[in-house]
N, C-alpha and C. Protein backbone atom coordinates (compact mmCIF):
# COMPACT_ATOMS: atom_id res chain seq x y z
N MET A 1 -58.59 140.21 48.18
CA MET A 1 -59.69 140.57 47.31
C MET A 1 -60.57 139.35 47.08
N LYS A 2 -59.92 138.19 46.84
CA LYS A 2 -60.66 136.97 46.59
C LYS A 2 -61.53 136.60 47.79
N LYS A 3 -60.98 136.81 49.02
CA LYS A 3 -61.72 136.50 50.23
C LYS A 3 -62.94 137.39 50.35
N ARG A 4 -62.80 138.67 50.00
CA ARG A 4 -63.93 139.60 50.05
C ARG A 4 -65.03 139.16 49.07
N MET A 5 -64.62 138.69 47.90
CA MET A 5 -65.60 138.23 46.91
C MET A 5 -66.34 137.01 47.45
N ASN A 6 -65.61 136.12 48.11
CA ASN A 6 -66.25 134.95 48.72
C ASN A 6 -67.22 135.38 49.80
N ASN A 7 -66.80 136.33 50.65
CA ASN A 7 -67.68 136.84 51.70
C ASN A 7 -68.90 137.52 51.09
N PHE A 8 -68.69 138.26 50.01
CA PHE A 8 -69.80 138.93 49.34
C PHE A 8 -70.79 137.91 48.79
N GLY A 9 -70.26 136.84 48.23
CA GLY A 9 -71.12 135.79 47.70
C GLY A 9 -71.93 135.14 48.80
N ILE A 10 -71.30 134.92 49.93
CA ILE A 10 -72.00 134.33 51.08
C ILE A 10 -73.10 135.28 51.56
N ILE A 11 -72.76 136.56 51.61
CA ILE A 11 -73.74 137.55 52.05
C ILE A 11 -74.93 137.59 51.10
N LEU A 12 -74.65 137.53 49.81
CA LEU A 12 -75.75 137.52 48.83
C LEU A 12 -76.63 136.29 49.01
N PHE A 13 -75.99 135.14 49.22
CA PHE A 13 -76.75 133.91 49.41
C PHE A 13 -77.62 134.00 50.66
N ILE A 14 -77.02 134.50 51.77
CA ILE A 14 -77.77 134.64 53.00
C ILE A 14 -78.92 135.61 52.81
N SER A 15 -78.66 136.71 52.11
CA SER A 15 -79.71 137.70 51.85
C SER A 15 -80.86 137.06 51.08
N PHE A 16 -80.51 136.25 50.09
CA PHE A 16 -81.53 135.60 49.28
C PHE A 16 -82.37 134.65 50.13
N VAL A 17 -81.70 133.88 50.99
CA VAL A 17 -82.42 132.92 51.84
C VAL A 17 -83.31 133.66 52.82
N PHE A 18 -82.77 134.68 53.49
CA PHE A 18 -83.57 135.41 54.48
C PHE A 18 -84.70 136.20 53.82
N THR A 19 -84.43 136.78 52.65
CA THR A 19 -85.47 137.55 51.96
C THR A 19 -86.61 136.62 51.56
N GLY A 20 -86.23 135.42 51.14
CA GLY A 20 -87.25 134.44 50.78
C GLY A 20 -88.06 134.00 51.98
N CYS A 21 -87.54 134.16 53.19
CA CYS A 21 -88.25 133.76 54.41
C CYS A 21 -89.04 134.91 55.00
N GLY A 22 -89.11 136.03 54.30
CA GLY A 22 -89.91 137.16 54.76
C GLY A 22 -89.16 138.18 55.59
N HIS A 23 -87.82 138.10 55.69
CA HIS A 23 -87.03 139.08 56.45
C HIS A 23 -86.72 140.26 55.55
N SER A 24 -86.71 141.45 56.15
CA SER A 24 -86.41 142.65 55.38
C SER A 24 -84.90 142.77 55.17
N ALA A 25 -84.53 143.57 54.23
CA ALA A 25 -83.12 143.79 53.94
C ALA A 25 -82.40 144.41 55.14
N LYS A 26 -83.09 145.29 55.89
CA LYS A 26 -82.49 145.93 57.06
C LYS A 26 -82.23 144.90 58.15
N GLU A 27 -83.16 143.94 58.34
CA GLU A 27 -82.97 142.90 59.35
C GLU A 27 -81.77 142.03 58.97
N ILE A 28 -81.71 141.71 57.68
CA ILE A 28 -80.61 140.87 57.20
C ILE A 28 -79.28 141.60 57.38
N GLU A 29 -79.25 142.88 57.02
CA GLU A 29 -78.03 143.66 57.16
C GLU A 29 -77.61 143.76 58.63
N ALA A 30 -78.55 143.96 59.54
CA ALA A 30 -78.26 144.06 60.97
C ALA A 30 -77.68 142.74 61.49
N ARG A 31 -78.27 141.63 61.06
CA ARG A 31 -77.76 140.32 61.49
C ARG A 31 -76.35 140.06 60.96
N ILE A 32 -76.15 140.44 59.72
CA ILE A 32 -74.82 140.23 59.12
C ILE A 32 -73.79 141.09 59.84
N ARG A 33 -74.14 142.35 60.14
CA ARG A 33 -73.23 143.23 60.87
C ARG A 33 -72.91 142.66 62.26
N GLU A 34 -73.92 142.13 62.93
CA GLU A 34 -73.70 141.52 64.25
C GLU A 34 -72.76 140.32 64.14
N ASP A 35 -73.00 139.49 63.12
CA ASP A 35 -72.14 138.32 62.91
C ASP A 35 -70.70 138.73 62.62
N LEU A 36 -70.56 139.74 61.76
CA LEU A 36 -69.22 140.22 61.43
C LEU A 36 -68.52 140.81 62.67
N LYS A 37 -69.28 141.53 63.48
CA LYS A 37 -68.72 142.11 64.70
C LYS A 37 -68.25 141.00 65.65
N ARG A 38 -69.06 139.96 65.83
CA ARG A 38 -68.67 138.84 66.69
C ARG A 38 -67.43 138.15 66.15
N GLU A 39 -67.37 138.00 64.82
CA GLU A 39 -66.20 137.37 64.20
C GLU A 39 -64.95 138.23 64.42
N GLN A 40 -65.08 139.54 64.25
CA GLN A 40 -63.95 140.44 64.47
C GLN A 40 -63.50 140.41 65.93
N ASP A 41 -64.46 140.38 66.85
CA ASP A 41 -64.13 140.29 68.27
C ASP A 41 -63.40 138.98 68.57
N SER A 42 -63.86 137.90 67.98
CA SER A 42 -63.21 136.60 68.19
C SER A 42 -61.78 136.61 67.66
N ILE A 43 -61.60 137.20 66.49
CA ILE A 43 -60.26 137.29 65.89
C ILE A 43 -59.36 138.14 66.78
N ALA A 44 -59.89 139.25 67.29
CA ALA A 44 -59.10 140.12 68.16
C ALA A 44 -58.70 139.38 69.44
N LYS A 45 -59.62 138.59 69.99
CA LYS A 45 -59.32 137.83 71.21
C LYS A 45 -58.23 136.79 70.93
N VAL A 46 -58.31 136.13 69.80
CA VAL A 46 -57.30 135.13 69.43
C VAL A 46 -55.94 135.80 69.25
N GLU A 47 -55.91 136.95 68.60
CA GLU A 47 -54.65 137.68 68.39
C GLU A 47 -54.06 138.13 69.73
N LEU A 48 -54.91 138.59 70.64
CA LEU A 48 -54.45 139.01 71.95
C LEU A 48 -53.90 137.82 72.73
N LEU A 49 -54.58 136.69 72.65
CA LEU A 49 -54.11 135.47 73.31
C LEU A 49 -52.76 135.04 72.76
N LYS A 50 -52.60 135.10 71.43
CA LYS A 50 -51.32 134.74 70.81
C LYS A 50 -50.21 135.68 71.28
N ALA A 51 -50.52 136.98 71.38
CA ALA A 51 -49.52 137.95 71.84
C ALA A 51 -49.14 137.68 73.30
N ASN A 52 -50.12 137.35 74.14
CA ASN A 52 -49.84 137.04 75.55
C ASN A 52 -48.97 135.79 75.67
N ILE A 53 -49.26 134.78 74.86
CA ILE A 53 -48.47 133.54 74.89
C ILE A 53 -47.03 133.84 74.46
N ALA A 54 -46.88 134.65 73.42
CA ALA A 54 -45.53 135.01 72.95
C ALA A 54 -44.77 135.78 74.03
N ALA A 55 -45.46 136.68 74.73
CA ALA A 55 -44.82 137.46 75.79
C ALA A 55 -44.41 136.54 76.95
N GLU A 56 -45.27 135.60 77.31
CA GLU A 56 -44.93 134.65 78.38
C GLU A 56 -43.73 133.79 78.00
N GLU A 57 -43.69 133.34 76.75
CA GLU A 57 -42.55 132.54 76.28
C GLU A 57 -41.27 133.36 76.33
N GLU A 58 -41.33 134.62 75.95
CA GLU A 58 -40.15 135.49 76.00
C GLU A 58 -39.70 135.70 77.45
N ASN A 59 -40.66 135.91 78.36
CA ASN A 59 -40.32 136.06 79.78
C ASN A 59 -39.63 134.81 80.31
N GLU A 60 -40.15 133.65 79.96
CA GLU A 60 -39.55 132.39 80.40
C GLU A 60 -38.13 132.24 79.85
N ARG A 61 -37.92 132.65 78.61
CA ARG A 61 -36.59 132.58 78.00
C ARG A 61 -35.62 133.52 78.73
N VAL A 62 -36.07 134.73 79.02
CA VAL A 62 -35.23 135.71 79.71
C VAL A 62 -34.88 135.20 81.12
N ILE A 63 -35.86 134.62 81.80
CA ILE A 63 -35.63 134.09 83.15
C ILE A 63 -34.63 132.94 83.09
N ALA A 64 -34.77 132.07 82.10
CA ALA A 64 -33.85 130.94 81.96
C ALA A 64 -32.42 131.42 81.71
N VAL A 65 -32.27 132.43 80.84
CA VAL A 65 -30.94 132.98 80.55
C VAL A 65 -30.35 133.62 81.80
N GLU A 66 -31.15 134.39 82.53
CA GLU A 66 -30.67 135.06 83.74
C GLU A 66 -30.32 134.04 84.82
N THR A 67 -31.13 133.00 84.96
CA THR A 67 -30.85 131.94 85.93
C THR A 67 -29.53 131.26 85.62
N GLN A 68 -29.31 130.96 84.34
CA GLN A 68 -28.06 130.32 83.93
C GLN A 68 -26.86 131.25 84.19
N ARG A 69 -27.03 132.53 83.90
CA ARG A 69 -25.96 133.50 84.15
C ARG A 69 -25.64 133.56 85.64
N GLN A 70 -26.68 133.56 86.48
CA GLN A 70 -26.48 133.64 87.92
C GLN A 70 -25.79 132.37 88.45
N LEU A 71 -26.18 131.21 87.93
CA LEU A 71 -25.53 129.95 88.33
C LEU A 71 -24.04 129.98 87.99
N GLU A 72 -23.71 130.46 86.80
CA GLU A 72 -22.31 130.54 86.39
C GLU A 72 -21.53 131.53 87.26
N GLU A 73 -22.16 132.64 87.58
CA GLU A 73 -21.51 133.64 88.45
C GLU A 73 -21.28 133.05 89.84
N ASN A 74 -22.27 132.32 90.37
CA ASN A 74 -22.12 131.70 91.69
C ASN A 74 -20.99 130.68 91.70
N LYS A 75 -20.90 129.86 90.64
CA LYS A 75 -19.82 128.87 90.55
C LYS A 75 -18.46 129.56 90.52
N LYS A 76 -18.39 130.66 89.79
CA LYS A 76 -17.14 131.41 89.69
C LYS A 76 -16.73 131.96 91.07
N LEU A 77 -17.70 132.52 91.80
CA LEU A 77 -17.42 133.03 93.14
C LEU A 77 -16.98 131.91 94.07
N GLU A 78 -17.69 130.78 94.00
CA GLU A 78 -17.36 129.66 94.88
C GLU A 78 -15.96 129.11 94.58
N ARG A 79 -15.56 129.11 93.29
CA ARG A 79 -14.19 128.69 92.95
C ARG A 79 -13.17 129.67 93.53
N ARG A 80 -13.49 130.95 93.48
CA ARG A 80 -12.58 131.98 94.01
C ARG A 80 -12.35 131.81 95.51
N PHE A 81 -13.41 131.43 96.24
CA PHE A 81 -13.32 131.31 97.69
C PHE A 81 -13.09 129.86 98.15
N ARG A 82 -12.89 128.93 97.22
CA ARG A 82 -12.82 127.50 97.53
C ARG A 82 -11.84 127.15 98.64
N ASN A 83 -10.62 127.58 98.56
CA ASN A 83 -9.59 127.21 99.54
C ASN A 83 -9.32 128.31 100.55
N VAL A 84 -10.31 129.16 100.76
CA VAL A 84 -10.17 130.29 101.67
C VAL A 84 -10.98 130.00 102.93
N SER A 85 -10.38 130.26 104.07
CA SER A 85 -11.14 130.05 105.31
C SER A 85 -11.52 131.38 105.96
N GLU A 86 -10.63 132.36 105.90
CA GLU A 86 -10.89 133.66 106.53
C GLU A 86 -11.20 134.72 105.48
N VAL A 87 -12.27 135.48 105.74
CA VAL A 87 -12.68 136.56 104.83
C VAL A 87 -13.01 137.79 105.66
N TYR A 88 -13.09 138.92 105.00
CA TYR A 88 -13.57 140.13 105.67
C TYR A 88 -14.65 140.78 104.83
N VAL A 89 -15.53 141.52 105.49
CA VAL A 89 -16.66 142.17 104.84
C VAL A 89 -16.14 143.38 104.08
N ASN A 90 -16.54 143.50 102.80
CA ASN A 90 -16.08 144.61 101.97
C ASN A 90 -17.21 145.56 101.56
N VAL A 91 -18.36 145.46 102.25
CA VAL A 91 -19.50 146.36 101.99
C VAL A 91 -19.92 146.99 103.32
N LYS A 92 -20.70 148.05 103.23
CA LYS A 92 -21.13 148.76 104.44
C LYS A 92 -21.87 147.82 105.40
N ARG A 93 -22.82 147.02 104.86
CA ARG A 93 -23.56 146.04 105.66
C ARG A 93 -23.69 144.75 104.86
N ALA A 94 -23.32 143.65 105.48
CA ALA A 94 -23.46 142.32 104.88
C ALA A 94 -24.53 141.58 105.68
N TYR A 95 -25.72 141.47 105.11
CA TYR A 95 -26.86 140.91 105.84
C TYR A 95 -26.82 139.38 105.89
N PHE A 96 -27.20 138.84 107.06
CA PHE A 96 -27.36 137.41 107.21
C PHE A 96 -28.65 136.97 106.54
N HIS A 97 -28.65 135.73 106.07
CA HIS A 97 -29.83 135.11 105.47
C HIS A 97 -30.08 133.78 106.17
N GLY A 98 -31.34 133.40 106.26
CA GLY A 98 -31.70 132.13 106.88
C GLY A 98 -31.34 130.93 106.02
N GLU A 99 -31.35 131.14 104.72
CA GLU A 99 -31.03 130.11 103.73
C GLU A 99 -30.10 130.75 102.69
N PRO A 100 -29.44 129.93 101.87
CA PRO A 100 -28.56 130.52 100.85
C PRO A 100 -29.36 131.03 99.64
N ASP A 101 -30.24 132.00 99.91
CA ASP A 101 -31.01 132.65 98.84
C ASP A 101 -31.35 134.08 99.25
N ALA A 102 -31.61 134.91 98.28
CA ALA A 102 -31.83 136.34 98.53
C ALA A 102 -33.12 136.63 99.28
N LEU A 103 -34.10 135.74 99.22
CA LEU A 103 -35.40 136.00 99.82
C LEU A 103 -35.43 135.81 101.33
N SER A 104 -34.45 135.13 101.89
CA SER A 104 -34.47 134.82 103.32
C SER A 104 -33.63 135.78 104.15
N ILE A 105 -33.58 137.02 103.73
CA ILE A 105 -32.75 138.02 104.40
C ILE A 105 -33.25 138.27 105.83
N ARG A 106 -32.30 138.52 106.73
CA ARG A 106 -32.61 138.80 108.13
C ARG A 106 -32.25 140.24 108.45
N GLU A 107 -32.57 140.67 109.65
CA GLU A 107 -32.24 142.02 110.07
C GLU A 107 -30.79 142.15 110.51
N SER A 108 -30.18 141.06 110.97
CA SER A 108 -28.81 141.12 111.48
C SER A 108 -27.81 141.19 110.33
N TYR A 109 -26.67 141.81 110.62
CA TYR A 109 -25.66 142.01 109.58
C TYR A 109 -24.28 142.19 110.20
N LEU A 110 -23.28 142.05 109.36
CA LEU A 110 -21.90 142.39 109.72
C LEU A 110 -21.59 143.71 109.05
N VAL A 111 -20.56 144.39 109.52
CA VAL A 111 -20.20 145.69 108.94
C VAL A 111 -18.83 145.59 108.28
N MET A 112 -18.54 146.59 107.46
CA MET A 112 -17.28 146.61 106.72
C MET A 112 -16.09 146.39 107.66
N GLY A 113 -15.23 145.46 107.24
CA GLY A 113 -14.03 145.16 108.01
C GLY A 113 -14.17 143.98 108.95
N ASP A 114 -15.42 143.58 109.28
CA ASP A 114 -15.59 142.41 110.15
C ASP A 114 -14.99 141.19 109.47
N ARG A 115 -14.37 140.33 110.28
CA ARG A 115 -13.74 139.12 109.76
C ARG A 115 -14.56 137.91 110.17
N ALA A 116 -14.61 136.90 109.28
CA ALA A 116 -15.40 135.70 109.54
C ALA A 116 -14.71 134.50 108.92
N SER A 117 -15.16 133.32 109.34
CA SER A 117 -14.65 132.06 108.80
C SER A 117 -15.71 131.40 107.95
N ILE A 118 -15.33 130.98 106.75
CA ILE A 118 -16.27 130.28 105.86
C ILE A 118 -16.32 128.81 106.28
N ILE A 119 -17.54 128.33 106.50
CA ILE A 119 -17.76 126.93 106.86
C ILE A 119 -18.07 126.12 105.59
N ARG A 120 -19.00 126.64 104.76
CA ARG A 120 -19.35 126.00 103.48
C ARG A 120 -19.98 127.05 102.56
N MET A 121 -20.17 126.67 101.29
CA MET A 121 -20.74 127.59 100.31
C MET A 121 -21.84 126.90 99.51
N LYS A 122 -22.81 127.71 99.08
CA LYS A 122 -23.91 127.20 98.26
C LYS A 122 -24.63 128.39 97.62
N ASN A 123 -24.95 128.26 96.34
CA ASN A 123 -25.73 129.27 95.61
C ASN A 123 -25.15 130.68 95.68
N GLY A 124 -23.85 130.79 95.77
CA GLY A 124 -23.23 132.12 95.83
C GLY A 124 -23.25 132.73 97.22
N PHE A 125 -23.55 131.91 98.24
CA PHE A 125 -23.57 132.34 99.63
C PHE A 125 -22.53 131.54 100.40
N ALA A 126 -22.04 132.13 101.48
CA ALA A 126 -21.12 131.43 102.38
C ALA A 126 -21.82 131.28 103.73
N TYR A 127 -21.77 130.08 104.26
CA TYR A 127 -22.22 129.87 105.65
C TYR A 127 -21.00 130.19 106.49
N ILE A 128 -21.13 131.23 107.29
CA ILE A 128 -19.96 131.72 108.01
C ILE A 128 -20.16 131.64 109.52
N GLU A 129 -19.03 131.70 110.20
CA GLU A 129 -19.04 131.83 111.66
C GLU A 129 -18.33 133.14 111.97
N PHE A 130 -19.01 133.96 112.75
CA PHE A 130 -18.44 135.26 113.13
C PHE A 130 -18.33 135.31 114.64
N TYR A 131 -17.15 135.65 115.13
CA TYR A 131 -16.94 135.79 116.56
C TYR A 131 -16.81 137.28 116.89
N ASN A 132 -17.72 137.76 117.73
CA ASN A 132 -17.71 139.16 118.15
C ASN A 132 -16.85 139.28 119.41
N GLN A 133 -15.71 139.88 119.28
CA GLN A 133 -14.78 139.99 120.42
C GLN A 133 -15.35 140.88 121.53
N ASN A 134 -16.17 141.85 121.18
CA ASN A 134 -16.74 142.75 122.19
C ASN A 134 -17.74 142.03 123.09
N SER A 135 -18.59 141.22 122.49
CA SER A 135 -19.63 140.54 123.27
C SER A 135 -19.23 139.12 123.67
N GLY A 136 -18.23 138.57 122.98
CA GLY A 136 -17.81 137.20 123.25
C GLY A 136 -18.75 136.16 122.67
N LYS A 137 -19.63 136.59 121.76
CA LYS A 137 -20.62 135.68 121.16
C LYS A 137 -20.25 135.33 119.72
N SER A 138 -20.63 134.11 119.33
CA SER A 138 -20.47 133.67 117.94
C SER A 138 -21.81 133.71 117.23
N THR A 139 -21.77 134.04 115.96
CA THR A 139 -22.97 134.06 115.13
C THR A 139 -22.68 133.28 113.86
N ASN A 140 -23.63 132.45 113.47
CA ASN A 140 -23.51 131.68 112.23
C ASN A 140 -24.64 132.08 111.30
N GLY A 141 -24.40 131.97 110.00
CA GLY A 141 -25.46 132.23 109.03
C GLY A 141 -24.90 132.38 107.63
N TRP A 142 -25.83 132.57 106.70
CA TRP A 142 -25.48 132.70 105.28
C TRP A 142 -25.35 134.17 104.92
N ILE A 143 -24.27 134.50 104.21
CA ILE A 143 -24.05 135.85 103.69
C ILE A 143 -23.57 135.71 102.25
N LYS A 144 -23.99 136.66 101.39
CA LYS A 144 -23.59 136.61 99.98
C LYS A 144 -22.07 136.69 99.85
N LEU A 145 -21.52 135.85 99.00
CA LEU A 145 -20.07 135.87 98.78
C LEU A 145 -19.59 137.21 98.22
N THR A 146 -20.44 137.90 97.49
CA THR A 146 -20.06 139.19 96.92
C THR A 146 -19.81 140.24 98.01
N ASP A 147 -20.26 139.97 99.24
CA ASP A 147 -20.06 140.90 100.35
C ASP A 147 -18.71 140.70 101.06
N PHE A 148 -17.93 139.72 100.58
CA PHE A 148 -16.66 139.39 101.22
C PHE A 148 -15.48 139.63 100.29
N GLU A 149 -14.33 139.79 100.93
CA GLU A 149 -13.06 139.82 100.24
C GLU A 149 -12.17 138.83 100.97
N ILE A 150 -11.18 138.31 100.27
CA ILE A 150 -10.28 137.32 100.85
C ILE A 150 -9.32 138.00 101.82
N GLU A 151 -9.19 137.41 103.01
CA GLU A 151 -8.28 137.90 104.03
C GLU A 151 -6.85 137.64 103.56
N GLU A 152 -6.08 138.70 103.46
CA GLU A 152 -4.68 138.58 103.04
C GLU A 152 -3.84 138.10 104.22
N GLU A 153 -2.76 137.40 103.91
CA GLU A 153 -1.83 136.97 104.95
C GLU A 153 -1.30 138.23 105.66
N GLY A 154 -1.29 138.21 106.96
CA GLY A 154 -0.79 139.36 107.70
C GLY A 154 -1.87 140.39 107.98
N GLY A 155 -3.12 140.12 107.60
CA GLY A 155 -4.24 141.04 107.88
C GLY A 155 -4.47 142.02 106.78
N CYS A 156 -5.51 142.83 106.94
CA CYS A 156 -5.93 143.84 105.95
C CYS A 156 -5.06 145.05 106.01
């Protein structure tokens, strides 16, 4: 209420100044309405900007939490497979990747039951060597550790 009274006082003062300069009350009212509209638009833009900043900060927080969760999950998987050399595929298709990350997926894959040797691990992926007995060829590449199960002594 106090702010409105201050605004009203300012409006009266402006009206007095403009009226004294030969401006009509309608001209003064139109100018004041335009000024108020610009002020409201500016306030709305500032509020929208603040909301966008808050949303970006929340997105960054969520990404940081998810990244940390994924790092911990990868470490857990790597500990599970640490002293294991032979694994078998436990999913329908285990796709090769060019790098130990999800974005570098390739078209080639292993199928459920295929056996491979782990060479090294990074980021929740295993760099494996697969020997195809039918073709006599070896294939190396990165596959997600979640696509493997540990080879039991005596076979599956």
